[in-house]
């Protein structure tokens, strides 16, 4: 193997610190295959792809809830003061 170091992980350090907690979610074989395909296309593991998706969804939801709660205190529905619906 020579002087080449081979790491078992991607080498990217997660923003949330050490990853020690697990969420086990049963899925269909079809969904698992599709997740594996997307992870492969992105050059990352299945677990990393799912973790990235969860982080985007959860952090996005929390961001929007916090934004809505702040706008509720100021009486505005968004930053421009209008709510086009």
PDB file of N, CA and C in Angstrom:
ATOM      1  N   UNK A   1       0.818  -1.187   0.000  1.00  0.00           N
ATOM      2  CA  UNK A   1       0.000   0.000   0.000  1.00  0.00           C
ATOM      3  C   UNK A   1       0.864   1.255   0.000  1.00  0.00           C
ATOM      4  N   UNK A   2       2.060   1.179   0.424  1.00  0.00           N
ATOM      5  CA  UNK A   2       2.974   2.313   0.372  1.00  0.00           C
ATOM      6  C   UNK A   2       2.702   3.340   1.446  1.00  0.00           C
ATOM      7  N   UNK A   3       3.005   4.607   1.123  1.00  0.00           N
ATOM      8  CA  UNK A   3       2.824   5.703   2.071  1.00  0.00           C
ATOM      9  C   UNK A   3       1.451   6.347   1.987  1.00  0.00           C
ATOM     10  N   UNK A   4       0.543   5.788   1.197  1.00  0.00           N
ATOM     11  CA  UNK A   4      -0.769   6.387   1.017  1.00  0.00           C
ATOM     12  C   UNK A   4      -1.654   6.081   2.214  1.00  0.00           C
ATOM     13  N   UNK A   5      -2.223   7.133   2.800  1.00  0.00           N
ATOM     14  CA  UNK A   5      -3.160   6.974   3.907  1.00  0.00           C
ATOM     15  C   UNK A   5      -4.556   6.880   3.337  1.00  0.00           C
ATOM     16  N   UNK A   6      -5.306   5.877   3.742  1.00  0.00           N
ATOM     17  CA  UNK A   6      -6.680   5.710   3.276  1.00  0.00           C
ATOM     18  C   UNK A   6      -7.610   5.874   4.482  1.00  0.00           C
ATOM     19  N   UNK A   7      -8.519   6.822   4.353  1.00  0.00           N
ATOM     20  CA  UNK A   7      -9.458   7.103   5.428  1.00  0.00           C
ATOM     21  C   UNK A   7     -10.792   6.430   5.127  1.00  0.00           C
ATOM     22  N   UNK A   8     -11.470   5.970   6.154  1.00  0.00           N
ATOM     23  CA  UNK A   8     -12.754   5.316   5.965  1.00  0.00           C
ATOM     24  C   UNK A   8     -13.900   6.317   5.909  1.00  0.00           C
ATOM     25  N   UNK A   9     -13.633   7.561   6.179  1.00  0.00           N
ATOM     26  CA  UNK A   9     -14.671   8.599   6.145  1.00  0.00           C
ATOM     27  C   UNK A   9     -14.328   9.643   5.104  1.00  0.00           C
ATOM     28  N   UNK A  10     -15.261  10.525   4.841  1.00  0.00           N
ATOM     29  CA  UNK A  10     -15.110  11.499   3.762  1.00  0.00           C
ATOM     30  C   UNK A  10     -14.020  12.531   4.030  1.00  0.00           C
ATOM     31  N   UNK A  11     -13.662  12.748   5.294  1.00  0.00           N
ATOM     32  CA  UNK A  11     -12.672  13.755   5.621  1.00  0.00           C
ATOM     33  C   UNK A  11     -13.282  15.107   5.941  1.00  0.00           C
ATOM     34  N   UNK A  12     -14.588  15.211   5.806  1.00  0.00           N
ATOM     35  CA  UNK A  12     -15.283  16.459   6.139  1.00  0.00           C
ATOM     36  C   UNK A  12     -15.755  16.386   7.583  1.00  0.00           C
ATOM     37  N   UNK A  13     -15.433  17.390   8.368  1.00  0.00           N
ATOM     38  CA  UNK A  13     -15.853  17.439   9.762  1.00  0.00           C
ATOM     39  C   UNK A  13     -17.244  18.048   9.836  1.00  0.00           C
ATOM     40  N   UNK A  14     -18.193  17.383  10.476  1.00  0.00           N
ATOM     41  CA  UNK A  14     -19.549  17.928  10.562  1.00  0.00           C
ATOM     42  C   UNK A  14     -19.595  19.160  11.457  1.00  0.00           C
ATOM     43  N   UNK A  15     -20.477  20.112  11.098  1.00  0.00           N
ATOM     44  CA  UNK A  15     -20.627  21.330  11.890  1.00  0.00           C
ATOM     45  C   UNK A  15     -21.182  21.048  13.279  1.00  0.00           C
ATOM     46  N   UNK A  16     -21.966  19.979  13.405  1.00  0.00           N
ATOM     47  CA  UNK A  16     -22.628  19.685  14.665  1.00  0.00           C
ATOM     48  C   UNK A  16     -21.776  18.934  15.665  1.00  0.00           C
ATOM     49  N   UNK A  17     -20.529  18.698  15.368  1.00  0.00           N
ATOM     50  CA  UNK A  17     -19.667  17.992  16.290  1.00  0.00           C
ATOM     51  C   UNK A  17     -19.604  16.513  15.988  1.00  0.00           C
ATOM     52  N   UNK A  18     -19.185  15.734  16.960  1.00  0.00           N
ATOM     53  CA  UNK A  18     -19.037  14.295  16.795  1.00  0.00           C
ATOM     54  C   UNK A  18     -20.400  13.645  16.579  1.00  0.00           C
ATOM     55  N   UNK A  19     -20.458  12.759  15.607  1.00  0.00           N
ATOM     56  CA  UNK A  19     -21.714  12.098  15.273  1.00  0.00           C
ATOM     57  C   UNK A  19     -21.815  10.791  16.044  1.00  0.00           C
ATOM     58  N   UNK A  20     -22.521  10.833  17.170  1.00  0.00           N
ATOM     59  CA  UNK A  20     -22.617   9.652  18.012  1.00  0.00           C
ATOM     60  C   UNK A  20     -24.047   9.147  18.157  1.00  0.00           C
ATOM     61  N   UNK A  21     -25.027   9.901  17.721  1.00  0.00           N
ATOM     62  CA  UNK A  21     -26.429   9.518  17.866  1.00  0.00           C
ATOM     63  C   UNK A  21     -26.927   8.906  16.573  1.00  0.00           C
ATOM     64  N   UNK A  22     -27.883   7.982  16.673  1.00  0.00           N
ATOM     65  CA  UNK A  22     -28.429   7.298  15.492  1.00  0.00           C
ATOM     66  C   UNK A  22     -29.935   7.475  15.429  1.00  0.00           C
ATOM     67  N   UNK A  23     -30.446   7.532  14.207  1.00  0.00           N
ATOM     68  CA  UNK A  23     -31.879   7.488  13.947  1.00  0.00           C
ATOM     69  C   UNK A  23     -32.086   6.346  12.963  1.00  0.00           C
ATOM     70  N   UNK A  24     -32.749   5.295  13.394  1.00  0.00           N
ATOM     71  CA  UNK A  24     -32.996   4.149  12.525  1.00  0.00           C
ATOM     72  C   UNK A  24     -34.406   4.262  11.961  1.00  0.00           C
ATOM     73  N   UNK A  25     -34.504   4.316  10.647  1.00  0.00           N
ATOM     74  CA  UNK A  25     -35.788   4.511   9.986  1.00  0.00           C
ATOM     75  C   UNK A  25     -36.019   3.400   8.968  1.00  0.00           C
ATOM     76  N   UNK A  26     -37.052   2.598   9.147  1.00  0.00           N
ATOM     77  CA  UNK A  26     -37.362   1.574   8.145  1.00  0.00           C
ATOM     78  C   UNK A  26     -37.853   2.226   6.850  1.00  0.00           C
ATOM     79  N   UNK A  27     -37.338   1.779   5.719  1.00  0.00           N
ATOM     80  CA  UNK A  27     -37.758   2.299   4.410  1.00  0.00           C
ATOM     81  C   UNK A  27     -37.948   1.124   3.454  1.00  0.00           C
ATOM     82  N   UNK A  28     -38.603   1.391   2.347  1.00  0.00           N
ATOM     83  CA  UNK A  28     -38.793   0.349   1.339  1.00  0.00           C
ATOM     84  C   UNK A  28     -37.475   0.088   0.606  1.00  0.00           C
ATOM     85  N   UNK A  29     -37.410  -1.061  -0.041  1.00  0.00           N
ATOM     86  CA  UNK A  29     -36.216  -1.402  -0.812  1.00  0.00           C
ATOM     87  C   UNK A  29     -36.007  -0.395  -1.940  1.00  0.00           C
ATOM     88  N   UNK A  30     -37.109   0.032  -2.552  1.00  0.00           N
ATOM     89  CA  UNK A  30     -37.025   1.009  -3.647  1.00  0.00           C
ATOM     90  C   UNK A  30     -36.432   2.337  -3.163  1.00  0.00           C
ATOM     91  N   UNK A  31     -36.911   2.818  -2.018  1.00  0.00           N
ATOM     92  CA  UNK A  31     -36.400   4.086  -1.487  1.00  0.00           C
ATOM     93  C   UNK A  31     -34.927   3.970  -1.127  1.00  0.00           C
ATOM     94  N   UNK A  32     -34.559   2.851  -0.519  1.00  0.00           N
ATOM     95  CA  UNK A  32     -33.149   2.663  -0.180  1.00  0.00           C
ATOM     96  C   UNK A  32     -32.286   2.677  -1.440  1.00  0.00           C
ATOM     97  N   UNK A  33     -32.720   2.012  -2.479  1.00  0.00           N
ATOM     98  CA  UNK A  33     -31.963   1.980  -3.735  1.00  0.00           C
ATOM     99  C   UNK A  33     -31.806   3.373  -4.329  1.00  0.00           C
ATOM    100  N   UNK A  34     -32.855   4.164  -4.239  1.00  0.00           N
ATOM    101  CA  UNK A  34     -32.801   5.528  -4.775  1.00  0.00           C
ATOM    102  C   UNK A  34     -31.871   6.411  -3.954  1.00  0.00           C
ATOM    103  N   UNK A  35     -31.894   6.244  -2.636  1.00  0.00           N
ATOM    104  CA  UNK A  35     -30.981   6.995  -1.769  1.00  0.00           C
ATOM    105  C   UNK A  35     -29.536   6.616  -2.068  1.00  0.00           C
ATOM    106  N   UNK A  36     -29.290   5.325  -2.225  1.00  0.00           N
ATOM    107  CA  UNK A  36     -27.937   4.861  -2.551  1.00  0.00           C
ATOM    108  C   UNK A  36     -27.481   5.455  -3.874  1.00  0.00           C
ATOM    109  N   UNK A  37     -28.378   5.482  -4.868  1.00  0.00           N
ATOM    110  CA  UNK A  37     -28.030   6.064  -6.175  1.00  0.00           C
ATOM    111  C   UNK A  37     -27.673   7.535  -6.047  1.00  0.00           C
ATOM    112  N   UNK A  38     -28.477   8.300  -5.308  1.00  0.00           N
ATOM    113  CA  UNK A  38     -28.193   9.729  -5.133  1.00  0.00           C
ATOM    114  C   UNK A  38     -26.903   9.959  -4.356  1.00  0.00           C
ATOM    115  N   UNK A  39     -26.671   9.148  -3.344  1.00  0.00           N
ATOM    116  CA  UNK A  39     -25.432   9.275  -2.575  1.00  0.00           C
ATOM    117  C   UNK A  39     -24.231   8.974  -3.460  1.00  0.00           C
ATOM    118  N   UNK A  40     -24.344   7.949  -4.288  1.00  0.00           N
ATOM    119  CA  UNK A  40     -23.251   7.581  -5.194  1.00  0.00           C
ATOM    120  C   UNK A  40     -22.969   8.703  -6.181  1.00  0.00           C
ATOM    121  N   UNK A  41     -24.013   9.280  -6.749  1.00  0.00           N
ATOM    122  CA  UNK A  41     -23.855  10.402  -7.682  1.00  0.00           C
ATOM    123  C   UNK A  41     -23.113  11.555  -7.015  1.00  0.00           C
ATOM    124  N   UNK A  42     -23.400  11.777  -5.736  1.00  0.00           N
ATOM    125  CA  UNK A  42     -22.765  12.871  -4.995  1.00  0.00           C
ATOM    126  C   UNK A  42     -21.421  12.486  -4.396  1.00  0.00           C
ATOM    127  N   UNK A  43     -21.027  11.226  -4.532  1.00  0.00           N
ATOM    128  CA  UNK A  43     -19.731  10.787  -4.030  1.00  0.00           C
ATOM    129  C   UNK A  43     -19.631  10.703  -2.522  1.00  0.00           C
ATOM    130  N   UNK A  44     -20.764  10.422  -1.873  1.00  0.00           N
ATOM    131  CA  UNK A  44     -20.775  10.326  -0.416  1.00  0.00           C
ATOM    132  C   UNK A  44     -21.497   9.043  -0.006  1.00  0.00           C
ATOM    133  N   UNK A  45     -21.405   8.707   1.268  1.00  0.00           N
ATOM    134  CA  UNK A  45     -22.076   7.505   1.764  1.00  0.00           C
ATOM    135  C   UNK A  45     -23.581   7.740   1.867  1.00  0.00           C
ATOM    136  N   UNK A  46     -24.304   6.637   1.949  1.00  0.00           N
ATOM    137  CA  UNK A  46     -25.759   6.701   2.136  1.00  0.00           C
ATOM    138  C   UNK A  46     -26.084   7.479   3.416  1.00  0.00           C
ATOM    139  N   UNK A  47     -25.382   7.179   4.491  1.00  0.00           N
ATOM    140  CA  UNK A  47     -25.635   7.846   5.772  1.00  0.00           C
ATOM    141  C   UNK A  47     -25.381   9.349   5.676  1.00  0.00           C
ATOM    142  N   UNK A  48     -24.303   9.728   5.004  1.00  0.00           N
ATOM    143  CA  UNK A  48     -23.991  11.148   4.884  1.00  0.00           C
ATOM    144  C   UNK A  48     -25.037  11.866   4.044  1.00  0.00           C
ATOM    145  N   UNK A  49     -25.530  11.216   2.984  1.00  0.00           N
ATOM    146  CA  UNK A  49     -26.549  11.832   2.133  1.00  0.00           C
ATOM    147  C   UNK A  49     -27.829  12.065   2.938  1.00  0.00           C
ATOM    148  N   UNK A  50     -28.250  11.037   3.694  1.00  0.00           N
ATOM    149  CA  UNK A  50     -29.463  11.167   4.502  1.00  0.00           C
ATOM    150  C   UNK A  50     -29.278  12.233   5.582  1.00  0.00           C
ATOM    151  N   UNK A  51     -28.118  12.243   6.227  1.00  0.00           N
ATOM    152  CA  UNK A  51     -27.840  13.244   7.263  1.00  0.00           C
ATOM    153  C   UNK A  51     -27.907  14.653   6.679  1.00  0.00           C
ATOM    154  N   UNK A  52     -27.320  14.859   5.502  1.00  0.00           N
ATOM    155  CA  UNK A  52     -27.368  16.180   4.855  1.00  0.00           C
ATOM    156  C   UNK A  52     -28.799  16.603   4.565  1.00  0.00           C
ATOM    157  N   UNK A  53     -29.616  15.674   4.086  1.00  0.00           N
ATOM    158  CA  UNK A  53     -31.014  15.974   3.808  1.00  0.00           C
ATOM    159  C   UNK A  53     -31.755  16.349   5.090  1.00  0.00           C
ATOM    160  N   UNK A  54     -31.564  15.547   6.135  1.00  0.00           N
ATOM    161  CA  UNK A  54     -32.212  15.850   7.415  1.00  0.00           C
ATOM    162  C   UNK A  54     -31.796  17.220   7.949  1.00  0.00           C
ATOM    163  N   UNK A  55     -30.517  17.534   7.845  1.00  0.00           N
ATOM    164  CA  UNK A  55     -30.043  18.824   8.339  1.00  0.00           C
ATOM    165  C   UNK A  55     -30.672  19.973   7.555  1.00  0.00           C
ATOM    166  N   UNK A  56     -30.771  19.841   6.232  1.00  0.00           N
ATOM    167  CA  UNK A  56     -31.385  20.904   5.423  1.00  0.00           C
ATOM    168  C   UNK A  56     -32.842  21.103   5.802  1.00  0.00           C
ATOM    169  N   UNK A  57     -33.579  20.003   5.942  1.00  0.00           N
ATOM    170  CA  UNK A  57     -35.005  20.103   6.252  1.00  0.00           C
ATOM    171  C   UNK A  57     -35.221  20.633   7.665  1.00  0.00           C
ATOM    172  N   UNK A  58     -34.567  20.026   8.639  1.00  0.00           N
ATOM    173  CA  UNK A  58     -34.786  20.414  10.035  1.00  0.00           C
ATOM    174  C   UNK A  58     -34.309  21.838  10.291  1.00  0.00           C
ATOM    175  N   UNK A  59     -33.118  22.170   9.847  1.00  0.00           N
ATOM    176  CA  UNK A  59     -32.615  23.525  10.083  1.00  0.00           C
ATOM    177  C   UNK A  59     -33.431  24.555   9.328  1.00  0.00           C
ATOM    178  N   UNK A  60     -33.905  24.207   8.143  1.00  0.00           N
ATOM    179  CA  UNK A  60     -34.765  25.118   7.378  1.00  0.00           C
ATOM    180  C   UNK A  60     -36.090  25.354   8.076  1.00  0.00           C
ATOM    181  N   UNK A  61     -36.697  24.280   8.577  1.00  0.00           N
ATOM    182  CA  UNK A  61     -37.961  24.406   9.309  1.00  0.00           C
ATOM    183  C   UNK A  61     -37.788  25.270  10.560  1.00  0.00           C
ATOM    184  N   UNK A  62     -36.724  24.993  11.324  1.00  0.00           N
ATOM    185  CA  UNK A  62     -36.493  25.775  12.537  1.00  0.00           C
ATOM    186  C   UNK A  62     -36.235  27.239  12.212  1.00  0.00           C
ATOM    187  N   UNK A  63     -35.471  27.498  11.130  1.00  0.00           N
ATOM    188  CA  UNK A  63     -35.206  28.874  10.712  1.00  0.00           C
ATOM    189  C   UNK A  63     -36.518  29.589  10.417  1.00  0.00           C
ATOM    190  N   UNK A  64     -37.409  28.925   9.658  1.00  0.00           N
ATOM    191  CA  UNK A  64     -38.680  29.559   9.297  1.00  0.00           C
ATOM    192  C   UNK A  64     -39.571  29.771  10.525  1.00  0.00           C
ATOM    193  N   UNK A  65     -39.615  28.804  11.443  1.00  0.00           N
ATOM    194  CA  UNK A  65     -40.415  28.983  12.653  1.00  0.00           C
ATOM    195  C   UNK A  65     -39.902  30.151  13.486  1.00  0.00           C
ATOM    196  N   UNK A  66     -38.576  30.249  13.601  1.00  0.00           N
ATOM    197  CA  UNK A  66     -37.998  31.368  14.359  1.00  0.00           C
ATOM    198  C   UNK A  66     -38.300  32.689  13.678  1.00  0.00           C
ATOM    199  N   UNK A  67     -38.201  32.707  12.356  1.00  0.00           N
ATOM    200  CA  UNK A  67     -38.481  33.936  11.598  1.00  0.00           C
ATOM    201  C   UNK A  67     -39.943  34.338  11.771  1.00  0.00           C
ATOM    202  N   UNK A  68     -40.848  33.354  11.684  1.00  0.00           N
ATOM    203  CA  UNK A  68     -42.267  33.659  11.860  1.00  0.00           C
ATOM    204  C   UNK A  68     -42.572  34.137  13.274  1.00  0.00           C
ATOM    205  N   UNK A  69     -41.919  33.545  14.267  1.00  0.00           N
ATOM    206  CA  UNK A  69     -42.186  33.977  15.648  1.00  0.00           C
ATOM    207  C   UNK A  69     -41.672  35.392  15.875  1.00  0.00           C
ATOM    208  N   UNK A  70     -40.540  35.738  15.270  1.00  0.00           N
ATOM    209  CA  UNK A  70     -40.030  37.117  15.389  1.00  0.00           C
ATOM    210  C   UNK A  70     -40.961  38.091  14.692  1.00  0.00           C
ATOM    211  N   UNK A  71     -41.446  37.737  13.500  1.00  0.00           N
ATOM    212  CA  UNK A  71     -42.312  38.655  12.770  1.00  0.00           C
ATOM    213  C   UNK A  71     -43.647  38.813  13.472  1.00  0.00           C
ATOM    214  N   UNK A  72     -44.086  37.761  14.207  1.00  0.00           N
ATOM    215  CA  UNK A  72     -45.325  37.851  14.969  1.00  0.00           C
ATOM    216  C   UNK A  72     -45.219  38.850  16.097  1.00  0.00           C
ATOM    217  N   UNK A  73     -44.028  38.949  16.694  1.00  0.00           N
ATOM    218  CA  UNK A  73     -43.827  39.911  17.788  1.00  0.00           C
ATOM    219  C   UNK A  73     -43.792  41.338  17.271  1.00  0.00           C
ATOM    220  N   UNK A  74     -43.328  41.517  16.024  1.00  0.00           N
ATOM    221  CA  UNK A  74     -43.234  42.872  15.485  1.00  0.00           C
ATOM    222  C   UNK A  74     -44.491  43.281  14.742  1.00  0.00           C
ATOM    223  N   UNK A  75     -45.430  42.313  14.519  1.00  0.00           N
ATOM    224  CA  UNK A  75     -46.666  42.634  13.835  1.00  0.00           C
ATOM    225  C   UNK A  75     -46.552  42.573  12.321  1.00  0.00           C
ATOM    226  N   UNK A  76     -45.401  42.172  11.789  1.00  0.00           N
ATOM    227  CA  UNK A  76     -45.227  42.071  10.349  1.00  0.00           C
ATOM    228  C   UNK A  76     -45.200  40.607   9.952  1.00  0.00           C
ATOM    229  N   UNK A  77     -45.739  40.303   8.745  1.00  0.00           N
ATOM    230  CA  UNK A  77     -45.755  38.920   8.301  1.00  0.00           C
ATOM    231  C   UNK A  77     -44.485  38.537   7.575  1.00  0.00           C
ATOM    232  N   UNK A  78     -43.721  39.500   7.084  1.00  0.00           N
ATOM    233  CA  UNK A  78     -42.409  39.229   6.502  1.00  0.00           C
ATOM    234  C   UNK A  78     -41.581  40.500   6.582  1.00  0.00           C
ATOM    235  N   UNK A  79     -40.365  40.465   6.055  1.00  0.00           N
ATOM    236  CA  UNK A  79     -39.448  41.594   6.208  1.00  0.00           C
ATOM    237  C   UNK A  79     -39.917  42.847   5.489  1.00  0.00           C
ATOM    238  N   UNK A  80     -40.714  42.719   4.418  1.00  0.00           N
ATOM    239  CA  UNK A  80     -41.173  43.900   3.696  1.00  0.00           C
ATOM    240  C   UNK A  80     -42.416  44.507   4.308  1.00  0.00           C
ATOM    241  N   UNK A  81     -43.052  43.769   5.232  1.00  0.00           N
ATOM    242  CA  UNK A  81     -44.262  44.279   5.867  1.00  0.00           C
ATOM    243  C   UNK A  81     -45.523  43.904   5.116  1.00  0.00           C
ATOM    244  N   UNK A  82     -45.394  43.181   4.006  1.00  0.00           N
ATOM    245  CA  UNK A  82     -46.564  42.765   3.247  1.00  0.00           C
ATOM    246  C   UNK A  82     -46.606  41.255   3.170  1.00  0.00           C
ATOM    247  N   UNK A  83     -47.766  40.728   2.887  1.00  0.00           N
ATOM    248  CA  UNK A  83     -47.934  39.286   2.793  1.00  0.00           C
ATOM    249  C   UNK A  83     -48.730  38.966   1.533  1.00  0.00           C
ATOM    250  N   UNK A  84     -48.051  38.828   0.374  1.00  0.00           N
ATOM    251  CA  UNK A  84     -48.760  38.596  -0.878  1.00  0.00           C
ATOM    252  C   UNK A  84     -49.274  37.166  -0.980  1.00  0.00           C
ATOM    253  N   UNK A  85     -50.569  37.000  -0.827  1.00  0.00           N
ATOM    254  CA  UNK A  85     -51.180  35.672  -0.973  1.00  0.00           C
ATOM    255  C   UNK A  85     -52.357  35.752  -1.868  1.00  0.00           C
TER     256      UNK A  85
END
